Amino acid sequence: MVRVTSGLQRQRRHKKFIKLAKGFRLGRSKVYKQVRLALIKQWQHAYKSRKEKKRDFRKLRIERMSAAIKENGGRYSTFIGSMTKKRIILDRKVLSNVAVAFPEVFNKIYSEVVK
């Protein structure tokens, strides 16, 4: 039988990961074992940050809406509560964009909801 080595496949696999580690410093961009560890850690941080990004934007939208509601003399919790009671289906993203871009429209929405 012919002796088969995995040299070429290993080189290709290593090259693929080293290419992904472009921009890393020192051994983290050249030594395969360090490259793999650095990439795994990077992917973990990326996964976590994608989840945190959603939280951060939700907080920002709530703060924007809360500021617009306070200008009208109300509270965020009562506004959202009355929206659910009246079955007005607008999410926080849309409402915060309206509050920032079109304050007069948001004031009309607020007056309708609070009535």
N, C-alpha and C. Protein backbone atom coordinates (compact mmCIF):
# COMPACT_ATOMS: atom_id res chain seq x y z
N MET A 1 0.83 -1.20 0.00
CA MET A 1 0.00 0.00 0.00
C MET A 1 0.86 1.24 0.00
N VAL A 2 0.33 2.27 -0.58
CA VAL A 2 1.03 3.54 -0.64
C VAL A 2 0.78 4.31 0.66
N ARG A 3 1.81 4.93 1.17
CA ARG A 3 1.69 5.73 2.40
C ARG A 3 1.06 7.07 2.04
N VAL A 4 -0.02 7.41 2.72
CA VAL A 4 -0.72 8.66 2.43
C VAL A 4 -0.53 9.60 3.62
N THR A 5 -0.10 10.82 3.33
CA THR A 5 0.03 11.82 4.38
C THR A 5 -1.03 12.90 4.17
N SER A 6 -1.28 13.63 5.22
CA SER A 6 -2.31 14.68 5.14
C SER A 6 -1.66 16.05 4.99
N GLY A 7 -0.48 16.10 4.40
CA GLY A 7 0.27 17.35 4.33
C GLY A 7 -0.43 18.46 3.58
N LEU A 8 -0.92 18.17 2.40
CA LEU A 8 -1.54 19.21 1.58
C LEU A 8 -2.84 19.71 2.19
N GLN A 9 -3.67 18.76 2.66
CA GLN A 9 -4.93 19.17 3.28
C GLN A 9 -4.67 20.00 4.54
N ARG A 10 -3.66 19.61 5.32
CA ARG A 10 -3.34 20.34 6.54
C ARG A 10 -2.88 21.75 6.20
N GLN A 11 -2.04 21.87 5.19
CA GLN A 11 -1.57 23.20 4.78
C GLN A 11 -2.74 24.09 4.38
N ARG A 12 -3.65 23.52 3.61
CA ARG A 12 -4.80 24.31 3.15
C ARG A 12 -5.68 24.74 4.33
N ARG A 13 -5.89 23.81 5.27
CA ARG A 13 -6.72 24.13 6.43
C ARG A 13 -6.06 25.23 7.27
N HIS A 14 -4.77 25.08 7.50
CA HIS A 14 -4.04 26.07 8.29
C HIS A 14 -4.07 27.43 7.59
N LYS A 15 -3.86 27.41 6.28
CA LYS A 15 -3.86 28.66 5.51
C LYS A 15 -5.20 29.39 5.63
N LYS A 16 -6.28 28.60 5.59
CA LYS A 16 -7.62 29.17 5.68
C LYS A 16 -7.81 29.93 6.99
N PHE A 17 -7.38 29.32 8.09
CA PHE A 17 -7.53 29.96 9.39
C PHE A 17 -6.57 31.13 9.55
N ILE A 18 -5.35 30.99 9.04
CA ILE A 18 -4.39 32.09 9.14
C ILE A 18 -4.87 33.30 8.34
N LYS A 19 -5.54 33.03 7.23
CA LYS A 19 -6.09 34.13 6.44
C LYS A 19 -7.18 34.87 7.23
N LEU A 20 -7.97 34.13 8.03
CA LEU A 20 -9.01 34.76 8.85
C LEU A 20 -8.42 35.61 9.97
N ALA A 21 -7.18 35.30 10.37
CA ALA A 21 -6.55 36.03 11.47
C ALA A 21 -5.74 37.22 10.98
N LYS A 22 -6.01 37.69 9.80
CA LYS A 22 -5.29 38.84 9.27
C LYS A 22 -5.56 40.05 10.16
N GLY A 23 -4.51 40.76 10.53
CA GLY A 23 -4.65 41.92 11.38
C GLY A 23 -4.36 41.65 12.84
N PHE A 24 -4.28 40.38 13.22
CA PHE A 24 -3.90 40.05 14.59
C PHE A 24 -2.41 40.32 14.75
N ARG A 25 -1.95 40.43 15.99
CA ARG A 25 -0.56 40.79 16.23
C ARG A 25 0.27 39.58 16.64
N LEU A 26 1.56 39.62 16.28
CA LEU A 26 2.57 38.64 16.68
C LEU A 26 2.15 37.22 16.33
N GLY A 27 2.28 36.29 17.27
CA GLY A 27 2.01 34.90 16.98
C GLY A 27 0.56 34.61 16.70
N ARG A 28 -0.30 35.49 17.14
CA ARG A 28 -1.74 35.28 16.92
C ARG A 28 -2.12 35.40 15.44
N SER A 29 -1.20 35.85 14.61
CA SER A 29 -1.48 35.92 13.18
C SER A 29 -0.65 34.94 12.37
N LYS A 30 0.28 34.22 13.02
CA LYS A 30 1.20 33.37 12.27
C LYS A 30 1.24 31.92 12.76
N VAL A 31 1.19 31.71 14.07
CA VAL A 31 1.29 30.37 14.64
C VAL A 31 -0.10 29.75 14.68
N TYR A 32 -0.26 28.58 14.02
CA TYR A 32 -1.59 28.01 13.82
C TYR A 32 -2.35 27.81 15.13
N LYS A 33 -1.69 27.25 16.15
CA LYS A 33 -2.38 26.97 17.40
C LYS A 33 -2.88 28.25 18.05
N GLN A 34 -2.07 29.28 18.04
CA GLN A 34 -2.48 30.57 18.61
C GLN A 34 -3.57 31.22 17.75
N VAL A 35 -3.46 31.02 16.44
CA VAL A 35 -4.47 31.57 15.53
C VAL A 35 -5.83 30.97 15.84
N ARG A 36 -5.87 29.63 16.01
CA ARG A 36 -7.14 28.96 16.30
C ARG A 36 -7.74 29.47 17.62
N LEU A 37 -6.91 29.58 18.65
CA LEU A 37 -7.41 30.06 19.93
C LEU A 37 -7.92 31.50 19.83
N ALA A 38 -7.17 32.33 19.10
CA ALA A 38 -7.58 33.73 18.94
C ALA A 38 -8.89 33.84 18.16
N LEU A 39 -9.04 33.02 17.12
CA LEU A 39 -10.27 33.06 16.33
C LEU A 39 -11.47 32.57 17.14
N ILE A 40 -11.28 31.52 17.91
CA ILE A 40 -12.38 31.02 18.73
C ILE A 40 -12.84 32.09 19.71
N LYS A 41 -11.87 32.76 20.35
CA LYS A 41 -12.20 33.82 21.29
C LYS A 41 -12.90 34.99 20.57
N GLN A 42 -12.42 35.30 19.38
CA GLN A 42 -13.02 36.37 18.60
C GLN A 42 -14.47 36.04 18.25
N TRP A 43 -14.72 34.80 17.85
CA TRP A 43 -16.08 34.40 17.50
C TRP A 43 -16.98 34.43 18.71
N GLN A 44 -16.45 34.08 19.88
CA GLN A 44 -17.25 34.15 21.10
C GLN A 44 -17.65 35.59 21.41
N HIS A 45 -16.69 36.50 21.30
CA HIS A 45 -16.99 37.91 21.54
C HIS A 45 -17.99 38.45 20.52
N ALA A 46 -17.85 38.03 19.27
CA ALA A 46 -18.75 38.52 18.22
C ALA A 46 -20.18 38.05 18.48
N TYR A 47 -20.33 36.79 18.90
CA TYR A 47 -21.65 36.25 19.19
C TYR A 47 -22.30 37.02 20.34
N LYS A 48 -21.52 37.22 21.41
CA LYS A 48 -22.02 37.93 22.59
C LYS A 48 -22.39 39.38 22.23
N SER A 49 -21.55 40.01 21.42
CA SER A 49 -21.78 41.42 21.08
C SER A 49 -23.00 41.61 20.20
N ARG A 50 -23.30 40.61 19.35
CA ARG A 50 -24.51 40.72 18.55
C ARG A 50 -25.74 40.73 19.43
N LYS A 51 -25.72 39.97 20.51
CA LYS A 51 -26.85 39.96 21.44
C LYS A 51 -26.91 41.28 22.22
N GLU A 52 -25.74 41.78 22.66
CA GLU A 52 -25.71 43.02 23.42
C GLU A 52 -26.15 44.21 22.58
N LYS A 53 -25.85 44.16 21.29
CA LYS A 53 -26.23 45.25 20.39
C LYS A 53 -27.75 45.43 20.37
N LYS A 54 -28.47 44.32 20.36
CA LYS A 54 -29.93 44.39 20.38
C LYS A 54 -30.43 45.04 21.66
N ARG A 55 -29.80 44.67 22.81
CA ARG A 55 -30.18 45.27 24.09
C ARG A 55 -29.92 46.76 24.10
N ASP A 56 -28.74 47.14 23.59
CA ASP A 56 -28.35 48.55 23.62
C ASP A 56 -29.29 49.40 22.78
N PHE A 57 -29.67 48.90 21.60
CA PHE A 57 -30.57 49.68 20.75
C PHE A 57 -31.96 49.78 21.36
N ARG A 58 -32.40 48.71 22.03
CA ARG A 58 -33.70 48.77 22.69
C ARG A 58 -33.69 49.84 23.79
N LYS A 59 -32.60 49.87 24.58
CA LYS A 59 -32.47 50.90 25.62
C LYS A 59 -32.49 52.30 25.02
N LEU A 60 -31.76 52.48 23.92
CA LEU A 60 -31.70 53.78 23.27
C LEU A 60 -33.07 54.22 22.79
N ARG A 61 -33.81 53.29 22.18
CA ARG A 61 -35.14 53.63 21.67
C ARG A 61 -36.08 54.00 22.82
N ILE A 62 -35.99 53.28 23.91
CA ILE A 62 -36.85 53.58 25.06
C ILE A 62 -36.50 54.95 25.63
N GLU A 63 -35.21 55.27 25.70
CA GLU A 63 -34.80 56.59 26.20
C GLU A 63 -35.31 57.71 25.30
N ARG A 64 -35.24 57.51 24.00
CA ARG A 64 -35.73 58.53 23.06
C ARG A 64 -37.22 58.75 23.22
N MET A 65 -37.97 57.63 23.30
CA MET A 65 -39.42 57.76 23.47
C MET A 65 -39.76 58.39 24.80
N SER A 66 -39.05 58.00 25.83
CA SER A 66 -39.30 58.54 27.16
C SER A 66 -39.09 60.05 27.19
N ALA A 67 -38.04 60.52 26.51
CA ALA A 67 -37.79 61.96 26.45
C ALA A 67 -38.92 62.68 25.72
N ALA A 68 -39.40 62.10 24.62
CA ALA A 68 -40.50 62.72 23.87
C ALA A 68 -41.79 62.71 24.68
N ILE A 69 -42.01 61.67 25.44
CA ILE A 69 -43.22 61.57 26.26
C ILE A 69 -43.16 62.57 27.41
N LYS A 70 -41.98 62.75 28.01
CA LYS A 70 -41.83 63.70 29.11
C LYS A 70 -42.09 65.13 28.65
N GLU A 71 -41.76 65.43 27.38
CA GLU A 71 -42.06 66.77 26.84
C GLU A 71 -43.56 67.02 26.84
N ASN A 72 -44.34 65.95 26.66
CA ASN A 72 -45.79 66.07 26.67
C ASN A 72 -46.38 65.94 28.06
N GLY A 73 -45.52 65.72 29.05
CA GLY A 73 -45.98 65.65 30.43
C GLY A 73 -46.48 64.29 30.87
N GLY A 74 -46.01 63.24 30.21
CA GLY A 74 -46.47 61.90 30.59
C GLY A 74 -45.32 61.01 31.05
N ARG A 75 -45.66 59.75 31.28
CA ARG A 75 -44.66 58.77 31.67
C ARG A 75 -44.64 57.64 30.67
N TYR A 76 -43.48 57.06 30.48
CA TYR A 76 -43.29 55.99 29.49
C TYR A 76 -44.18 54.79 29.81
N SER A 77 -44.19 54.38 31.06
CA SER A 77 -44.92 53.16 31.43
C SER A 77 -46.42 53.31 31.19
N THR A 78 -46.97 54.46 31.53
CA THR A 78 -48.40 54.66 31.31
C THR A 78 -48.72 54.76 29.82
N PHE A 79 -47.79 55.34 29.05
CA PHE A 79 -47.98 55.43 27.61
C PHE A 79 -48.04 54.05 26.98
N ILE A 80 -47.07 53.19 27.32
CA ILE A 80 -47.03 51.84 26.75
C ILE A 80 -48.23 51.02 27.25
N GLY A 81 -48.60 51.21 28.51
CA GLY A 81 -49.76 50.50 29.05
C GLY A 81 -51.04 50.87 28.34
N SER A 82 -51.23 52.15 28.08
CA SER A 82 -52.44 52.58 27.39
C SER A 82 -52.43 52.16 25.92
N MET A 83 -51.24 52.05 25.34
CA MET A 83 -51.16 51.55 23.96
C MET A 83 -51.62 50.11 23.88
N THR A 84 -51.21 49.29 24.84
CA THR A 84 -51.63 47.88 24.81
C THR A 84 -53.12 47.75 25.11
N LYS A 85 -53.66 48.59 25.99
CA LYS A 85 -55.09 48.54 26.29
C LYS A 85 -55.92 48.90 25.06
N LYS A 86 -55.45 49.89 24.32
CA LYS A 86 -56.20 50.33 23.14
C LYS A 86 -55.84 49.53 21.88
N ARG A 87 -54.97 48.52 22.05
CA ARG A 87 -54.55 47.63 20.96
C ARG A 87 -53.95 48.39 19.78
N ILE A 88 -53.13 49.37 20.08
CA ILE A 88 -52.38 50.09 19.05
C ILE A 88 -51.05 49.37 18.90
N ILE A 89 -50.82 48.83 17.72
CA ILE A 89 -49.64 47.98 17.52
C ILE A 89 -48.58 48.77 16.75
N LEU A 90 -47.72 49.43 17.50
CA LEU A 90 -46.54 50.10 16.95
C LEU A 90 -45.37 49.72 17.84
N ASP A 91 -44.30 49.23 17.25
CA ASP A 91 -43.18 48.82 18.08
C ASP A 91 -42.32 50.01 18.47
N ARG A 92 -41.41 49.76 19.41
CA ARG A 92 -40.59 50.83 19.96
C ARG A 92 -39.66 51.44 18.92
N LYS A 93 -39.22 50.63 17.97
CA LYS A 93 -38.33 51.13 16.92
C LYS A 93 -39.04 52.20 16.09
N VAL A 94 -40.23 51.90 15.66
CA VAL A 94 -40.99 52.84 14.84
C VAL A 94 -41.33 54.09 15.64
N LEU A 95 -41.78 53.90 16.87
CA LEU A 95 -42.17 55.05 17.69
C LEU A 95 -40.99 55.97 17.99
N SER A 96 -39.82 55.39 18.27
CA SER A 96 -38.66 56.24 18.56
C SER A 96 -38.20 56.99 17.32
N ASN A 97 -38.26 56.33 16.16
CA ASN A 97 -37.89 57.03 14.92
C ASN A 97 -38.86 58.17 14.63
N VAL A 98 -40.13 57.95 14.86
CA VAL A 98 -41.12 59.00 14.67
C VAL A 98 -40.89 60.14 15.66
N ALA A 99 -40.58 59.78 16.90
CA ALA A 99 -40.36 60.80 17.93
C ALA A 99 -39.17 61.69 17.60
N VAL A 100 -38.13 61.11 17.00
CA VAL A 100 -36.94 61.89 16.67
C VAL A 100 -37.13 62.68 15.38
N ALA A 101 -37.66 62.02 14.35
CA ALA A 101 -37.75 62.66 13.03
C ALA A 101 -38.96 63.58 12.89
N PHE A 102 -40.10 63.17 13.43
CA PHE A 102 -41.34 63.93 13.27
C PHE A 102 -42.01 64.13 14.62
N PRO A 103 -41.53 65.10 15.40
CA PRO A 103 -42.09 65.28 16.75
C PRO A 103 -43.58 65.64 16.75
N GLU A 104 -44.03 66.41 15.76
CA GLU A 104 -45.45 66.80 15.75
C GLU A 104 -46.35 65.59 15.50
N VAL A 105 -45.88 64.63 14.68
CA VAL A 105 -46.65 63.40 14.46
C VAL A 105 -46.69 62.58 15.75
N PHE A 106 -45.55 62.51 16.42
CA PHE A 106 -45.51 61.76 17.69
C PHE A 106 -46.44 62.39 18.72
N ASN A 107 -46.51 63.72 18.74
CA ASN A 107 -47.42 64.39 19.68
C ASN A 107 -48.87 64.02 19.40
N LYS A 108 -49.22 63.88 18.11
CA LYS A 108 -50.59 63.46 17.75
C LYS A 108 -50.84 62.02 18.20
N ILE A 109 -49.85 61.16 18.00
CA ILE A 109 -49.99 59.77 18.45
C ILE A 109 -50.16 59.74 19.96
N TYR A 110 -49.36 60.54 20.65
CA TYR A 110 -49.44 60.57 22.11
C TYR A 110 -50.81 61.03 22.58
N SER A 111 -51.32 62.08 21.95
CA SER A 111 -52.64 62.58 22.36
C SER A 111 -53.75 61.55 22.10
N GLU A 112 -53.62 60.78 21.03
CA GLU A 112 -54.61 59.72 20.74
C GLU A 112 -54.55 58.60 21.76
N VAL A 113 -53.35 58.23 22.13
CA VAL A 113 -53.16 57.10 23.05
C VAL A 113 -53.60 57.47 24.46
N VAL A 114 -53.27 58.66 24.91
CA VAL A 114 -53.52 59.05 26.29
C VAL A 114 -54.98 59.40 26.54
N LYS A 115 -55.72 59.79 25.52
CA LYS A 115 -57.13 60.19 25.68
C LYS A 115 -57.90 59.28 26.59
